[in-house]
Amino acid sequence: MQGLDILTLIIMVILIVMIGFIVVKLGALPGSIALQRNHPQAEAIRVCGWIGVLTLGLAWPIALIWAFTRPQSLSEKILDADPNELACLKQQICELEKRVDTLMEVKGGMDL
C-alpha cells in the first residue's frame, strides 16, 4: 500500500466514526430534550426518537416536535376555562346532586 491509500483509509474510518457519533447524538436528542423539560411522556419520546433513527428519519421529527409540546393537565384546563362555563357546570352539578338526593329518598321509602 502506498501512503495515499493509507491516508484515504484513515480518513474513511474517521468519517464512519463521525457519522456514527452524529447518528447516536441525533437519535438521543428528542429524549434528552424531553427529560430536560420534565415532559410526562419523556420515555415514549425517547423511544420514538430511536425509532426515527431506525426508519431513516421518518419518526424523528415527530419525536422532536413532541418533546417541545406539553399536554395540558386537567387542572390547567379548569384554570383556563371560561368563568361562565364553570358557573354553568356548577349549576348542573347542583341540579344533579338534588336529583340524586330525591331518588335516594324515594328508594329509602320503598320496601325492598
N, C-alpha and C. Protein backbone atom coordinates (compact mmCIF):
# COMPACT_ATOMS: atom_id res chain seq x y z
N MET A 1 0.85 -1.19 0.00
CA MET A 1 0.00 0.00 0.00
C MET A 1 0.88 1.24 0.00
N GLN A 2 0.38 2.21 -0.71
CA GLN A 2 1.11 3.47 -0.76
C GLN A 2 0.63 4.39 0.35
N GLY A 3 1.31 5.47 0.53
CA GLY A 3 0.98 6.42 1.58
C GLY A 3 -0.39 7.05 1.42
N LEU A 4 -0.78 7.34 0.17
CA LEU A 4 -2.10 7.94 -0.06
C LEU A 4 -3.23 6.96 0.21
N ASP A 5 -3.00 5.66 -0.05
CA ASP A 5 -4.01 4.65 0.25
C ASP A 5 -4.25 4.56 1.76
N ILE A 6 -3.20 4.61 2.53
CA ILE A 6 -3.32 4.55 3.99
C ILE A 6 -4.03 5.81 4.51
N LEU A 7 -3.66 6.96 3.96
CA LEU A 7 -4.31 8.21 4.36
C LEU A 7 -5.81 8.18 4.03
N THR A 8 -6.16 7.66 2.85
CA THR A 8 -7.56 7.54 2.45
C THR A 8 -8.31 6.61 3.39
N LEU A 9 -7.69 5.50 3.75
CA LEU A 9 -8.32 4.55 4.68
C LEU A 9 -8.55 5.18 6.04
N ILE A 10 -7.59 5.93 6.53
CA ILE A 10 -7.72 6.61 7.83
C ILE A 10 -8.85 7.64 7.77
N ILE A 11 -8.91 8.40 6.70
CA ILE A 11 -9.97 9.41 6.56
C ILE A 11 -11.34 8.74 6.49
N MET A 12 -11.44 7.62 5.78
CA MET A 12 -12.73 6.91 5.70
C MET A 12 -13.16 6.37 7.06
N VAL A 13 -12.23 5.83 7.82
CA VAL A 13 -12.56 5.32 9.16
C VAL A 13 -13.02 6.47 10.06
N ILE A 14 -12.33 7.59 10.00
CA ILE A 14 -12.72 8.77 10.80
C ILE A 14 -14.11 9.25 10.41
N LEU A 15 -14.41 9.28 9.12
CA LEU A 15 -15.73 9.71 8.66
C LEU A 15 -16.83 8.76 9.13
N ILE A 16 -16.57 7.46 9.08
CA ILE A 16 -17.56 6.48 9.53
C ILE A 16 -17.82 6.64 11.02
N VAL A 17 -16.75 6.83 11.80
CA VAL A 17 -16.90 7.02 13.25
C VAL A 17 -17.67 8.31 13.52
N MET A 18 -17.38 9.38 12.79
CA MET A 18 -18.08 10.64 12.99
C MET A 18 -19.56 10.53 12.62
N ILE A 19 -19.87 9.85 11.53
CA ILE A 19 -21.27 9.66 11.13
C ILE A 19 -22.01 8.85 12.19
N GLY A 20 -21.38 7.81 12.70
CA GLY A 20 -21.99 7.02 13.78
C GLY A 20 -22.25 7.86 15.02
N PHE A 21 -21.29 8.69 15.39
CA PHE A 21 -21.44 9.57 16.55
C PHE A 21 -22.61 10.55 16.34
N ILE A 22 -22.69 11.12 15.16
CA ILE A 22 -23.77 12.08 14.86
C ILE A 22 -25.13 11.39 14.90
N VAL A 23 -25.22 10.17 14.36
CA VAL A 23 -26.49 9.43 14.37
C VAL A 23 -26.92 9.14 15.80
N VAL A 24 -25.98 8.73 16.64
CA VAL A 24 -26.31 8.44 18.04
C VAL A 24 -26.76 9.71 18.77
N LYS A 25 -26.08 10.81 18.55
CA LYS A 25 -26.46 12.08 19.19
C LYS A 25 -27.84 12.54 18.73
N LEU A 26 -28.10 12.45 17.43
CA LEU A 26 -29.40 12.88 16.91
C LEU A 26 -30.53 11.95 17.39
N GLY A 27 -30.25 10.65 17.50
CA GLY A 27 -31.27 9.71 17.99
C GLY A 27 -31.65 9.98 19.44
N ALA A 28 -30.69 10.41 20.23
CA ALA A 28 -30.94 10.66 21.65
C ALA A 28 -31.46 12.08 21.91
N LEU A 29 -31.40 12.96 20.93
CA LEU A 29 -31.75 14.37 21.15
C LEU A 29 -33.19 14.59 21.62
N PRO A 30 -34.22 14.03 20.95
CA PRO A 30 -35.59 14.29 21.43
C PRO A 30 -35.82 13.81 22.87
N GLY A 31 -35.28 12.64 23.19
CA GLY A 31 -35.44 12.12 24.55
C GLY A 31 -34.76 12.98 25.60
N SER A 32 -33.58 13.48 25.29
CA SER A 32 -32.87 14.31 26.27
C SER A 32 -33.57 15.67 26.42
N ILE A 33 -34.11 16.21 25.34
CA ILE A 33 -34.86 17.47 25.44
C ILE A 33 -36.10 17.26 26.31
N ALA A 34 -36.80 16.15 26.10
CA ALA A 34 -38.00 15.87 26.89
C ALA A 34 -37.66 15.70 28.37
N LEU A 35 -36.56 15.04 28.65
CA LEU A 35 -36.15 14.88 30.06
C LEU A 35 -35.79 16.21 30.70
N GLN A 36 -35.10 17.07 29.96
CA GLN A 36 -34.74 18.39 30.50
C GLN A 36 -35.97 19.24 30.77
N ARG A 37 -37.01 19.08 29.95
CA ARG A 37 -38.22 19.87 30.09
C ARG A 37 -39.22 19.20 31.03
N ASN A 38 -38.84 18.08 31.67
CA ASN A 38 -39.70 17.32 32.58
C ASN A 38 -41.03 16.96 31.91
N HIS A 39 -40.94 16.47 30.69
CA HIS A 39 -42.13 16.08 29.94
C HIS A 39 -42.68 14.79 30.55
N PRO A 40 -44.00 14.71 30.76
CA PRO A 40 -44.56 13.49 31.37
C PRO A 40 -44.42 12.24 30.49
N GLN A 41 -44.20 12.41 29.20
CA GLN A 41 -44.09 11.28 28.29
C GLN A 41 -42.67 11.18 27.72
N ALA A 42 -41.68 11.49 28.53
CA ALA A 42 -40.29 11.56 28.07
C ALA A 42 -39.79 10.21 27.56
N GLU A 43 -40.17 9.15 28.21
CA GLU A 43 -39.70 7.83 27.81
C GLU A 43 -40.25 7.45 26.43
N ALA A 44 -41.51 7.76 26.18
CA ALA A 44 -42.11 7.48 24.87
C ALA A 44 -41.44 8.33 23.79
N ILE A 45 -41.10 9.55 24.11
CA ILE A 45 -40.42 10.42 23.16
C ILE A 45 -39.03 9.87 22.84
N ARG A 46 -38.35 9.36 23.86
CA ARG A 46 -37.03 8.77 23.65
C ARG A 46 -37.12 7.58 22.69
N VAL A 47 -38.11 6.73 22.91
CA VAL A 47 -38.29 5.56 22.04
C VAL A 47 -38.64 6.00 20.62
N CYS A 48 -39.50 6.99 20.50
CA CYS A 48 -39.87 7.50 19.17
C CYS A 48 -38.67 8.08 18.45
N GLY A 49 -37.77 8.73 19.16
CA GLY A 49 -36.56 9.26 18.55
C GLY A 49 -35.68 8.16 17.99
N TRP A 50 -35.54 7.05 18.73
CA TRP A 50 -34.72 5.94 18.23
C TRP A 50 -35.41 5.21 17.10
N ILE A 51 -36.73 5.12 17.14
CA ILE A 51 -37.46 4.53 16.01
C ILE A 51 -37.26 5.39 14.77
N GLY A 52 -37.22 6.70 14.98
CA GLY A 52 -36.94 7.61 13.87
C GLY A 52 -35.58 7.37 13.25
N VAL A 53 -34.60 7.03 14.06
CA VAL A 53 -33.27 6.72 13.52
C VAL A 53 -33.33 5.42 12.72
N LEU A 54 -34.05 4.43 13.25
CA LEU A 54 -34.14 3.15 12.56
C LEU A 54 -34.92 3.25 11.25
N THR A 55 -35.87 4.18 11.17
CA THR A 55 -36.65 4.36 9.94
C THR A 55 -36.06 5.44 9.05
N LEU A 56 -34.81 5.74 9.27
CA LEU A 56 -34.07 6.73 8.47
C LEU A 56 -34.69 8.12 8.54
N GLY A 57 -35.17 8.48 9.70
CA GLY A 57 -35.62 9.85 9.94
C GLY A 57 -37.10 10.11 9.78
N LEU A 58 -37.92 9.08 9.59
CA LEU A 58 -39.35 9.33 9.40
C LEU A 58 -40.05 9.76 10.69
N ALA A 59 -39.76 9.10 11.79
CA ALA A 59 -40.44 9.43 13.05
C ALA A 59 -39.65 10.43 13.89
N TRP A 60 -38.43 10.71 13.52
CA TRP A 60 -37.58 11.59 14.33
C TRP A 60 -38.14 13.01 14.45
N PRO A 61 -38.61 13.64 13.37
CA PRO A 61 -39.18 15.00 13.53
C PRO A 61 -40.42 15.00 14.42
N ILE A 62 -41.19 13.93 14.37
CA ILE A 62 -42.37 13.83 15.25
C ILE A 62 -41.92 13.81 16.70
N ALA A 63 -40.89 13.03 17.00
CA ALA A 63 -40.38 12.95 18.37
C ALA A 63 -39.83 14.30 18.82
N LEU A 64 -39.17 15.01 17.92
CA LEU A 64 -38.60 16.30 18.28
C LEU A 64 -39.70 17.32 18.58
N ILE A 65 -40.72 17.36 17.75
CA ILE A 65 -41.84 18.28 18.00
C ILE A 65 -42.56 17.89 19.27
N TRP A 66 -42.75 16.59 19.48
CA TRP A 66 -43.43 16.08 20.67
C TRP A 66 -42.66 16.47 21.93
N ALA A 67 -41.34 16.50 21.85
CA ALA A 67 -40.52 16.86 23.02
C ALA A 67 -40.75 18.31 23.44
N PHE A 68 -41.09 19.18 22.50
CA PHE A 68 -41.30 20.59 22.82
C PHE A 68 -42.74 20.92 23.17
N THR A 69 -43.66 19.99 22.96
CA THR A 69 -45.05 20.22 23.36
C THR A 69 -45.28 19.64 24.73
N ARG A 70 -46.25 20.17 25.42
CA ARG A 70 -46.57 19.67 26.76
C ARG A 70 -48.08 19.53 26.86
N PRO A 71 -48.57 18.33 27.17
CA PRO A 71 -50.01 18.16 27.30
C PRO A 71 -50.55 18.97 28.47
N GLN A 72 -51.72 19.51 28.28
CA GLN A 72 -52.31 20.34 29.32
C GLN A 72 -53.01 19.44 30.33
N SER A 73 -52.71 19.63 31.60
CA SER A 73 -53.31 18.81 32.64
C SER A 73 -54.75 19.28 32.88
N LEU A 74 -55.49 18.45 33.60
CA LEU A 74 -56.89 18.77 33.88
C LEU A 74 -57.01 20.05 34.70
N SER A 75 -56.11 20.24 35.67
CA SER A 75 -56.18 21.45 36.49
C SER A 75 -55.89 22.70 35.66
N GLU A 76 -54.96 22.57 34.69
CA GLU A 76 -54.69 23.71 33.81
C GLU A 76 -55.87 24.01 32.91
N LYS A 77 -56.57 22.97 32.46
CA LYS A 77 -57.75 23.16 31.63
C LYS A 77 -58.85 23.87 32.42
N ILE A 78 -58.99 23.50 33.69
CA ILE A 78 -60.01 24.13 34.53
C ILE A 78 -59.67 25.59 34.76
N LEU A 79 -58.38 25.87 35.01
CA LEU A 79 -57.98 27.26 35.23
C LEU A 79 -58.14 28.11 33.98
N ASP A 80 -57.97 27.49 32.81
CA ASP A 80 -58.10 28.22 31.55
C ASP A 80 -59.54 28.30 31.06
N ALA A 81 -60.47 27.63 31.73
CA ALA A 81 -61.85 27.59 31.27
C ALA A 81 -62.53 28.95 31.46
N ASP A 82 -63.57 29.16 30.69
CA ASP A 82 -64.36 30.38 30.77
C ASP A 82 -65.13 30.40 32.09
N PRO A 83 -65.11 31.49 32.83
CA PRO A 83 -65.83 31.55 34.12
C PRO A 83 -67.34 31.29 33.96
N ASN A 84 -67.93 31.75 32.87
CA ASN A 84 -69.36 31.49 32.65
C ASN A 84 -69.62 30.00 32.47
N GLU A 85 -68.70 29.34 31.78
CA GLU A 85 -68.85 27.89 31.57
C GLU A 85 -68.72 27.15 32.90
N LEU A 86 -67.79 27.60 33.75
CA LEU A 86 -67.64 26.97 35.06
C LEU A 86 -68.87 27.16 35.92
N ALA A 87 -69.47 28.36 35.87
CA ALA A 87 -70.68 28.62 36.64
C ALA A 87 -71.82 27.72 36.16
N CYS A 88 -71.91 27.55 34.86
CA CYS A 88 -72.94 26.68 34.29
C CYS A 88 -72.73 25.23 34.74
N LEU A 89 -71.48 24.77 34.74
CA LEU A 89 -71.17 23.41 35.18
C LEU A 89 -71.48 23.23 36.66
N LYS A 90 -71.18 24.24 37.47
CA LYS A 90 -71.50 24.15 38.91
C LYS A 90 -73.01 24.04 39.11
N GLN A 91 -73.77 24.80 38.34
CA GLN A 91 -75.23 24.76 38.45
C GLN A 91 -75.74 23.37 38.05
N GLN A 92 -75.20 22.80 36.99
CA GLN A 92 -75.61 21.47 36.56
C GLN A 92 -75.28 20.42 37.61
N ILE A 93 -74.12 20.56 38.25
CA ILE A 93 -73.74 19.61 39.30
C ILE A 93 -74.70 19.71 40.47
N CYS A 94 -75.07 20.92 40.87
CA CYS A 94 -76.01 21.10 41.97
C CYS A 94 -77.36 20.47 41.64
N GLU A 95 -77.83 20.67 40.41
CA GLU A 95 -79.11 20.09 40.00
C GLU A 95 -79.05 18.57 40.01
N LEU A 96 -77.94 18.00 39.54
CA LEU A 96 -77.79 16.55 39.54
C LEU A 96 -77.72 16.00 40.96
N GLU A 97 -77.04 16.72 41.86
CA GLU A 97 -76.99 16.26 43.26
C GLU A 97 -78.38 16.27 43.89
N LYS A 98 -79.18 17.27 43.57
CA LYS A 98 -80.55 17.32 44.09
C LYS A 98 -81.37 16.16 43.56
N ARG A 99 -81.20 15.85 42.28
CA ARG A 99 -81.94 14.72 41.70
C ARG A 99 -81.52 13.40 42.35
N VAL A 100 -80.23 13.24 42.60
CA VAL A 100 -79.75 12.02 43.25
C VAL A 100 -80.33 11.92 44.66
N ASP A 101 -80.32 13.04 45.40
CA ASP A 101 -80.90 13.03 46.75
C ASP A 101 -82.37 12.66 46.71
N THR A 102 -83.11 13.19 45.74
CA THR A 102 -84.54 12.87 45.60
C THR A 102 -84.72 11.39 45.31
N LEU A 103 -83.92 10.86 44.43
CA LEU A 103 -84.02 9.43 44.10
C LEU A 103 -83.66 8.57 45.30
N MET A 104 -82.69 8.98 46.08
CA MET A 104 -82.31 8.22 47.27
C MET A 104 -83.43 8.24 48.30
N GLU A 105 -84.16 9.38 48.43
CA GLU A 105 -85.27 9.47 49.37
C GLU A 105 -86.42 8.56 48.92
N VAL A 106 -86.67 8.53 47.60
CA VAL A 106 -87.74 7.69 47.09
C VAL A 106 -87.39 6.23 47.29
N LYS A 107 -86.15 5.88 47.05
CA LYS A 107 -85.70 4.49 47.22
C LYS A 107 -85.75 4.11 48.71
N GLY A 108 -85.41 5.04 49.58
CA GLY A 108 -85.44 4.75 51.02
C GLY A 108 -86.86 4.51 51.53
N GLY A 109 -87.87 5.12 50.92
CA GLY A 109 -89.25 4.95 51.32
C GLY A 109 -89.86 3.66 50.81
N MET A 110 -89.22 3.04 49.84
CA MET A 110 -89.75 1.80 49.28
C MET A 110 -89.26 0.62 50.10
N ASP A 111 -90.11 -0.38 50.25
CA ASP A 111 -89.71 -1.60 50.95
C ASP A 111 -89.18 -2.58 49.93
N LEU A 112 -87.93 -2.93 50.09
CA LEU A 112 -87.33 -3.88 49.16
C LEU A 112 -87.10 -5.19 49.82
